């Protein structure tokens, strides 16, 4: 999956098995400011397990997932 030249505003994304996420050098990922775009997931914060809004990019229980940023030339 490759993002080209643009700004993207989104909530949580969850790449699945065998996905390589390539963020282009001129791409800006912007997180939505609306909490409904971030589903609550089971997480652990300071040793306490609780439901908490997911991050912008989440890789949970997957194999062979890569997140890379294309370097500026």
Protein backbone atom coordinates (compact mmCIF):
# COMPACT_ATOMS: atom_id res chain seq x y z
CA UNK A 1 0.00 0.00 0.00
CA UNK A 2 1.55 3.30 -1.07
CA UNK A 3 0.38 6.81 -0.34
CA UNK A 4 1.26 9.37 -3.02
CA UNK A 5 1.75 13.15 -2.76
CA UNK A 6 -1.05 14.56 -0.58
CA UNK A 7 -2.37 15.08 2.91
CA UNK A 8 -4.44 12.29 4.40
CA UNK A 9 -6.72 12.74 7.38
CA UNK A 10 -7.96 9.56 8.92
CA UNK A 11 -8.71 7.75 12.13
CA UNK A 12 -7.10 4.50 13.18
CA UNK A 13 -5.76 2.15 10.53
CA UNK A 14 -4.96 -1.50 11.17
CA UNK A 15 -2.62 -2.98 8.51
CA UNK A 16 -3.15 -6.73 8.16
CA UNK A 17 -0.82 -9.64 7.50
CA UNK A 18 1.73 -9.16 4.68
CA UNK A 19 1.02 -5.45 4.22
CA UNK A 20 3.91 -3.08 3.56
CA UNK A 21 2.80 0.50 4.17
CA UNK A 22 5.01 2.99 2.31
CA UNK A 23 4.48 6.63 3.16
CA UNK A 24 5.78 8.86 0.36
CA UNK A 25 8.27 11.63 1.06
CA UNK A 26 5.64 14.30 0.31
CA UNK A 27 2.81 12.71 2.28
CA UNK A 28 1.52 14.06 5.57
CA UNK A 29 -0.65 11.77 7.66
CA UNK A 30 -3.02 13.79 9.80
CA UNK A 31 -5.01 12.18 12.56
CA UNK A 32 -8.70 12.99 12.75
CA UNK A 33 -9.67 15.16 15.70
CA UNK A 34 -12.90 13.21 16.18
CA UNK A 35 -12.64 10.52 18.88
CA UNK A 36 -15.24 8.37 17.08
CA UNK A 37 -12.60 7.72 14.41
CA UNK A 38 -10.46 5.85 16.98
CA UNK A 39 -12.14 2.66 18.19
CA UNK A 40 -11.50 1.65 21.76
CA UNK A 41 -9.23 -1.40 22.01
CA UNK A 42 -7.87 -3.47 24.86
CA UNK A 43 -4.51 -2.03 25.87
CA UNK A 44 -2.15 -1.80 28.80
CA UNK A 45 -1.11 1.56 30.23
CA UNK A 46 1.35 1.74 33.13
CA UNK A 47 0.66 -1.91 33.93
CA UNK A 48 -3.12 -1.45 34.01
CA UNK A 49 -5.25 -3.19 31.39
CA UNK A 50 -8.10 -1.06 30.07
CA UNK A 51 -10.00 0.03 26.98
CA UNK A 52 -8.36 3.02 25.30
CA UNK A 53 -8.68 4.71 21.91
CA UNK A 54 -6.46 3.11 19.26
CA UNK A 55 -3.46 4.96 17.81
CA UNK A 56 -3.30 6.31 14.26
CA UNK A 57 -1.37 3.25 12.98
CA UNK A 58 -1.93 -0.04 14.84
CA UNK A 59 -0.30 -3.42 14.20
CA UNK A 60 -1.86 -5.99 16.48
CA UNK A 61 -1.34 -9.74 16.15
CA UNK A 62 -0.12 -9.56 12.53
CA UNK A 63 2.90 -11.00 10.73
CA UNK A 64 5.14 -9.50 8.05
CA UNK A 65 3.89 -5.92 8.36
CA UNK A 66 6.18 -2.99 7.55
CA UNK A 67 5.68 0.74 7.91
CA UNK A 68 8.27 2.80 6.06
CA UNK A 69 8.71 6.40 5.02
CA UNK A 70 10.30 7.10 1.65
CA UNK A 71 13.36 9.27 2.20
CA UNK A 72 13.61 12.71 0.66
CA UNK A 73 16.06 12.88 -2.23
